[in-house]
Amino acid sequence: MADRETIIETGGDNGSGLLIAIAVLVVLAIAAYFFFFARPGTAPSSVTVDVPAVTVPAPAPATN
């Protein structure tokens, strides 16, 4: 008697894996945009600091 194999399908793929893959790709694309293309200094939290130059005179040589 020949061996037989029975395949039972319990439903098809409803596309949820495809939707999850598309959502992951969209999130990665948005993250890549901010990582590679967002220019530093365009954020509203950037601050410009004006630091004045300070000149320190050299100490006088010691005399004995």
PDB file of N, CA and C in Angstrom:
ATOM      1  N   MET A   1       0.837  -1.166   0.000  1.00  0.00           N
ATOM      2  CA  MET A   1       0.000   0.000   0.000  1.00  0.00           C
ATOM      3  C   MET A   1       0.894   1.244   0.000  1.00  0.00           C
ATOM      4  N   ALA A   2       0.566   2.211  -0.812  1.00  0.00           N
ATOM      5  CA  ALA A   2       1.384   3.417  -0.950  1.00  0.00           C
ATOM      6  C   ALA A   2       1.117   4.372   0.207  1.00  0.00           C
ATOM      7  N   ASP A   3       2.192   5.094   0.601  1.00  0.00           N
ATOM      8  CA  ASP A   3       2.024   6.110   1.642  1.00  0.00           C
ATOM      9  C   ASP A   3       1.279   7.302   1.060  1.00  0.00           C
ATOM     10  N   ARG A   4       0.390   7.865   1.862  1.00  0.00           N
ATOM     11  CA  ARG A   4      -0.368   9.027   1.413  1.00  0.00           C
ATOM     12  C   ARG A   4      -0.151  10.174   2.388  1.00  0.00           C
ATOM     13  N   GLU A   5      -0.146  11.372   1.850  1.00  0.00           N
ATOM     14  CA  GLU A   5       0.005  12.571   2.672  1.00  0.00           C
ATOM     15  C   GLU A   5      -1.227  13.438   2.453  1.00  0.00           C
ATOM     16  N   THR A   6      -1.821  13.860   3.546  1.00  0.00           N
ATOM     17  CA  THR A   6      -3.010  14.695   3.456  1.00  0.00           C
ATOM     18  C   THR A   6      -2.648  16.121   3.865  1.00  0.00           C
ATOM     19  N   ILE A   7      -2.967  17.074   3.020  1.00  0.00           N
ATOM     20  CA  ILE A   7      -2.704  18.477   3.313  1.00  0.00           C
ATOM     21  C   ILE A   7      -4.026  19.140   3.638  1.00  0.00           C
ATOM     22  N   ILE A   8      -4.099  19.721   4.808  1.00  0.00           N
ATOM     23  CA  ILE A   8      -5.323  20.390   5.232  1.00  0.00           C
ATOM     24  C   ILE A   8      -5.027  21.882   5.331  1.00  0.00           C
ATOM     25  N   GLU A   9      -5.743  22.683   4.584  1.00  0.00           N
ATOM     26  CA  GLU A   9      -5.581  24.126   4.640  1.00  0.00           C
ATOM     27  C   GLU A   9      -6.650  24.699   5.556  1.00  0.00           C
ATOM     28  N   THR A  10      -6.220  25.558   6.468  1.00  0.00           N
ATOM     29  CA  THR A  10      -7.158  26.118   7.437  1.00  0.00           C
ATOM     30  C   THR A  10      -7.497  27.565   7.119  1.00  0.00           C
ATOM     31  N   GLY A  11      -7.350  27.971   5.919  1.00  0.00           N
ATOM     32  CA  GLY A  11      -7.663  29.341   5.534  1.00  0.00           C
ATOM     33  C   GLY A  11      -6.490  29.943   4.801  1.00  0.00           C
ATOM     34  N   GLY A  12      -6.777  30.929   4.030  1.00  0.00           N
ATOM     35  CA  GLY A  12      -5.722  31.556   3.258  1.00  0.00           C
ATOM     36  C   GLY A  12      -5.098  32.729   4.002  1.00  0.00           C
ATOM     37  N   ASP A  13      -4.067  33.279   3.412  1.00  0.00           N
ATOM     38  CA  ASP A  13      -3.410  34.464   3.962  1.00  0.00           C
ATOM     39  C   ASP A  13      -4.306  35.654   3.685  1.00  0.00           C
ATOM     40  N   ASN A  14      -4.642  36.407   4.733  1.00  0.00           N
ATOM     41  CA  ASN A  14      -5.540  37.539   4.536  1.00  0.00           C
ATOM     42  C   ASN A  14      -4.780  38.833   4.270  1.00  0.00           C
ATOM     43  N   GLY A  15      -3.478  38.774   4.050  1.00  0.00           N
ATOM     44  CA  GLY A  15      -2.707  39.952   3.697  1.00  0.00           C
ATOM     45  C   GLY A  15      -2.174  40.735   4.881  1.00  0.00           C
ATOM     46  N   SER A  16      -2.337  40.229   6.097  1.00  0.00           N
ATOM     47  CA  SER A  16      -1.868  40.986   7.263  1.00  0.00           C
ATOM     48  C   SER A  16      -0.345  41.071   7.291  1.00  0.00           C
ATOM     49  N   GLY A  17       0.333  40.053   6.825  1.00  0.00           N
ATOM     50  CA  GLY A  17       1.795  40.107   6.765  1.00  0.00           C
ATOM     51  C   GLY A  17       2.278  41.176   5.804  1.00  0.00           C
ATOM     52  N   LEU A  18       1.588  41.321   4.700  1.00  0.00           N
ATOM     53  CA  LEU A  18       1.930  42.353   3.719  1.00  0.00           C
ATOM     54  C   LEU A  18       1.694  43.743   4.292  1.00  0.00           C
ATOM     55  N   LEU A  19       0.611  43.928   5.010  1.00  0.00           N
ATOM     56  CA  LEU A  19       0.322  45.230   5.620  1.00  0.00           C
ATOM     57  C   LEU A  19       1.363  45.595   6.675  1.00  0.00           C
ATOM     58  N   ILE A  20       1.796  44.624   7.455  1.00  0.00           N
ATOM     59  CA  ILE A  20       2.824  44.876   8.466  1.00  0.00           C
ATOM     60  C   ILE A  20       4.143  45.236   7.789  1.00  0.00           C
ATOM     61  N   ALA A  21       4.477  44.548   6.715  1.00  0.00           N
ATOM     62  CA  ALA A  21       5.721  44.846   5.994  1.00  0.00           C
ATOM     63  C   ALA A  21       5.683  46.250   5.403  1.00  0.00           C
ATOM     64  N   ILE A  22       4.556  46.661   4.855  1.00  0.00           N
ATOM     65  CA  ILE A  22       4.430  48.012   4.304  1.00  0.00           C
ATOM     66  C   ILE A  22       4.547  49.056   5.410  1.00  0.00           C
ATOM     67  N   ALA A  23       3.919  48.806   6.560  1.00  0.00           N
ATOM     68  CA  ALA A  23       3.998  49.746   7.682  1.00  0.00           C
ATOM     69  C   ALA A  23       5.432  49.880   8.180  1.00  0.00           C
ATOM     70  N   VAL A  24       6.161  48.781   8.251  1.00  0.00           N
ATOM     71  CA  VAL A  24       7.563  48.829   8.689  1.00  0.00           C
ATOM     72  C   VAL A  24       8.403  49.621   7.689  1.00  0.00           C
ATOM     73  N   LEU A  25       8.170  49.420   6.398  1.00  0.00           N
ATOM     74  CA  LEU A  25       8.919  50.165   5.386  1.00  0.00           C
ATOM     75  C   LEU A  25       8.626  51.662   5.448  1.00  0.00           C
ATOM     76  N   VAL A  26       7.385  52.039   5.717  1.00  0.00           N
ATOM     77  CA  VAL A  26       7.041  53.460   5.834  1.00  0.00           C
ATOM     78  C   VAL A  26       7.748  54.076   7.034  1.00  0.00           C
ATOM     79  N   VAL A  27       7.749  53.379   8.166  1.00  0.00           N
ATOM     80  CA  VAL A  27       8.429  53.890   9.366  1.00  0.00           C
ATOM     81  C   VAL A  27       9.928  54.019   9.118  1.00  0.00           C
ATOM     82  N   LEU A  28      10.533  53.053   8.457  1.00  0.00           N
ATOM     83  CA  LEU A  28      11.958  53.127   8.146  1.00  0.00           C
ATOM     84  C   LEU A  28      12.263  54.264   7.175  1.00  0.00           C
ATOM     85  N   ALA A  29      11.392  54.516   6.220  1.00  0.00           N
ATOM     86  CA  ALA A  29      11.606  55.613   5.277  1.00  0.00           C
ATOM     87  C   ALA A  29      11.545  56.959   5.990  1.00  0.00           C
ATOM     88  N   ILE A  30      10.615  57.119   6.906  1.00  0.00           N
ATOM     89  CA  ILE A  30      10.520  58.372   7.666  1.00  0.00           C
ATOM     90  C   ILE A  30      11.749  58.555   8.541  1.00  0.00           C
ATOM     91  N   ALA A  31      12.196  57.497   9.199  1.00  0.00           N
ATOM     92  CA  ALA A  31      13.387  57.586  10.043  1.00  0.00           C
ATOM     93  C   ALA A  31      14.623  57.903   9.202  1.00  0.00           C
ATOM     94  N   ALA A  32      14.738  57.315   8.031  1.00  0.00           N
ATOM     95  CA  ALA A  32      15.883  57.585   7.159  1.00  0.00           C
ATOM     96  C   ALA A  32      15.873  59.029   6.685  1.00  0.00           C
ATOM     97  N   TYR A  33      14.696  59.576   6.414  1.00  0.00           N
ATOM     98  CA  TYR A  33      14.613  60.983   6.002  1.00  0.00           C
ATOM     99  C   TYR A  33      15.166  61.892   7.096  1.00  0.00           C
ATOM    100  N   PHE A  34      14.732  61.686   8.325  1.00  0.00           N
ATOM    101  CA  PHE A  34      15.206  62.545   9.405  1.00  0.00           C
ATOM    102  C   PHE A  34      16.684  62.314   9.710  1.00  0.00           C
ATOM    103  N   PHE A  35      17.165  61.103   9.501  1.00  0.00           N
ATOM    104  CA  PHE A  35      18.565  60.800   9.808  1.00  0.00           C
ATOM    105  C   PHE A  35      19.511  61.351   8.745  1.00  0.00           C
ATOM    106  N   PHE A  36      19.140  61.242   7.461  1.00  0.00           N
ATOM    107  CA  PHE A  36      20.051  61.620   6.386  1.00  0.00           C
ATOM    108  C   PHE A  36      19.789  62.992   5.783  1.00  0.00           C
ATOM    109  N   PHE A  37      18.536  63.433   5.732  1.00  0.00           N
ATOM    110  CA  PHE A  37      18.211  64.631   4.973  1.00  0.00           C
ATOM    111  C   PHE A  37      17.836  65.837   5.821  1.00  0.00           C
ATOM    112  N   ALA A  38      17.521  65.654   7.071  1.00  0.00           N
ATOM    113  CA  ALA A  38      17.174  66.794   7.921  1.00  0.00           C
ATOM    114  C   ALA A  38      18.442  67.597   8.188  1.00  0.00           C
ATOM    115  N   ARG A  39      18.375  68.879   7.957  1.00  0.00           N
ATOM    116  CA  ARG A  39      19.550  69.738   8.111  1.00  0.00           C
ATOM    117  C   ARG A  39      19.699  70.182   9.559  1.00  0.00           C
ATOM    118  N   PRO A  40      20.893  70.071  10.128  1.00  0.00           N
ATOM    119  CA  PRO A  40      21.090  70.566  11.488  1.00  0.00           C
ATOM    120  C   PRO A  40      20.991  72.087  11.496  1.00  0.00           C
ATOM    121  N   GLY A  41      20.461  72.619  12.552  1.00  0.00           N
ATOM    122  CA  GLY A  41      20.304  74.052  12.671  1.00  0.00           C
ATOM    123  C   GLY A  41      18.957  74.544  12.206  1.00  0.00           C
ATOM    124  N   THR A  42      18.161  73.697  11.553  1.00  0.00           N
ATOM    125  CA  THR A  42      16.839  74.117  11.127  1.00  0.00           C
ATOM    126  C   THR A  42      15.808  73.861  12.208  1.00  0.00           C
ATOM    127  N   ALA A  43      16.196  73.165  13.242  1.00  0.00           N
ATOM    128  CA  ALA A  43      15.265  72.892  14.332  1.00  0.00           C
ATOM    129  C   ALA A  43      15.017  74.170  15.127  1.00  0.00           C
ATOM    130  N   PRO A  44      13.837  74.354  15.649  1.00  0.00           N
ATOM    131  CA  PRO A  44      13.549  75.578  16.391  1.00  0.00           C
ATOM    132  C   PRO A  44      14.298  75.668  17.710  1.00  0.00           C
ATOM    133  N   SER A  45      14.962  74.604  18.132  1.00  0.00           N
ATOM    134  CA  SER A  45      15.674  74.629  19.403  1.00  0.00           C
ATOM    135  C   SER A  45      17.145  75.035  19.240  1.00  0.00           C
ATOM    136  N   SER A  46      17.565  75.440  18.038  1.00  0.00           N
ATOM    137  CA  SER A  46      18.961  75.825  17.855  1.00  0.00           C
ATOM    138  C   SER A  46      19.215  77.184  18.496  1.00  0.00           C
ATOM    139  N   VAL A  47      20.416  77.347  19.038  1.00  0.00           N
ATOM    140  CA  VAL A  47      20.777  78.569  19.755  1.00  0.00           C
ATOM    141  C   VAL A  47      22.106  79.070  19.214  1.00  0.00           C
ATOM    142  N   THR A  48      22.216  80.384  19.014  1.00  0.00           N
ATOM    143  CA  THR A  48      23.466  81.003  18.607  1.00  0.00           C
ATOM    144  C   THR A  48      24.053  81.725  19.810  1.00  0.00           C
ATOM    145  N   VAL A  49      25.299  81.414  20.137  1.00  0.00           N
ATOM    146  CA  VAL A  49      25.955  82.001  21.305  1.00  0.00           C
ATOM    147  C   VAL A  49      27.111  82.859  20.819  1.00  0.00           C
ATOM    148  N   ASP A  50      27.149  84.120  21.295  1.00  0.00           N
ATOM    149  CA  ASP A  50      28.234  85.031  20.957  1.00  0.00           C
ATOM    150  C   ASP A  50      29.179  85.096  22.152  1.00  0.00           C
ATOM    151  N   VAL A  51      30.360  84.512  22.004  1.00  0.00           N
ATOM    152  CA  VAL A  51      31.330  84.457  23.099  1.00  0.00           C
ATOM    153  C   VAL A  51      32.420  85.481  22.825  1.00  0.00           C
ATOM    154  N   PRO A  52      32.624  86.446  23.743  1.00  0.00           N
ATOM    155  CA  PRO A  52      33.670  87.445  23.517  1.00  0.00           C
ATOM    156  C   PRO A  52      35.063  86.841  23.674  1.00  0.00           C
ATOM    157  N   ALA A  53      36.030  87.409  22.941  1.00  0.00           N
ATOM    158  CA  ALA A  53      37.414  86.946  23.048  1.00  0.00           C
ATOM    159  C   ALA A  53      38.025  87.487  24.338  1.00  0.00           C
ATOM    160  N   VAL A  54      38.790  86.666  25.011  1.00  0.00           N
ATOM    161  CA  VAL A  54      39.430  87.059  26.275  1.00  0.00           C
ATOM    162  C   VAL A  54      40.933  86.947  26.085  1.00  0.00           C
ATOM    163  N   THR A  55      41.659  88.040  26.434  1.00  0.00           N
ATOM    164  CA  THR A  55      43.125  88.042  26.329  1.00  0.00           C
ATOM    165  C   THR A  55      43.701  88.003  27.735  1.00  0.00           C
ATOM    166  N   VAL A  56      44.583  87.039  27.988  1.00  0.00           N
ATOM    167  CA  VAL A  56      45.217  86.895  29.303  1.00  0.00           C
ATOM    168  C   VAL A  56      46.689  87.227  29.137  1.00  0.00           C
ATOM    169  N   PRO A  57      47.198  88.233  29.908  1.00  0.00           N
ATOM    170  CA  PRO A  57      48.625  88.560  29.784  1.00  0.00           C
ATOM    171  C   PRO A  57      49.499  87.474  30.396  1.00  0.00           C
ATOM    172  N   ALA A  58      50.688  87.332  29.831  1.00  0.00           N
ATOM    173  CA  ALA A  58      51.625  86.338  30.354  1.00  0.00           C
ATOM    174  C   ALA A  58      52.149  86.821  31.712  1.00  0.00           C
ATOM    175  N   PRO A  59      52.403  85.893  32.634  1.00  0.00           N
ATOM    176  CA  PRO A  59      52.924  86.298  33.944  1.00  0.00           C
ATOM    177  C   PRO A  59      54.355  86.846  33.835  1.00  0.00           C
ATOM    178  N   ALA A  60      54.666  87.767  34.734  1.00  0.00           N
ATOM    179  CA  ALA A  60      56.007  88.358  34.746  1.00  0.00           C
ATOM    180  C   ALA A  60      57.009  87.308  35.186  1.00  0.00           C
ATOM    181  N   PRO A  61      58.227  87.353  34.639  1.00  0.00           N
ATOM    182  CA  PRO A  61      59.244  86.354  35.055  1.00  0.00           C
ATOM    183  C   PRO A  61      59.626  86.578  36.515  1.00  0.00           C
ATOM    184  N   ALA A  62      59.909  85.488  37.183  1.00  0.00           N
ATOM    185  CA  ALA A  62      60.272  85.551  38.604  1.00  0.00           C
ATOM    186  C   ALA A  62      61.700  86.071  38.744  1.00  0.00           C
ATOM    187  N   THR A  63      61.917  86.943  39.737  1.00  0.00           N
ATOM    188  CA  THR A  63      63.259  87.466  40.000  1.00  0.00           C
ATOM    189  C   THR A  63      63.715  87.011  41.375  1.00  0.00           C
ATOM    190  N   ASN A  64      65.022  86.734  41.521  1.00  0.00           N
ATOM    191  CA  ASN A  64      65.570  86.289  42.808  1.00  0.00           C
ATOM    192  C   ASN A  64      66.456  87.335  43.397  1.00  0.00           C
TER     193      ASN A  64
END
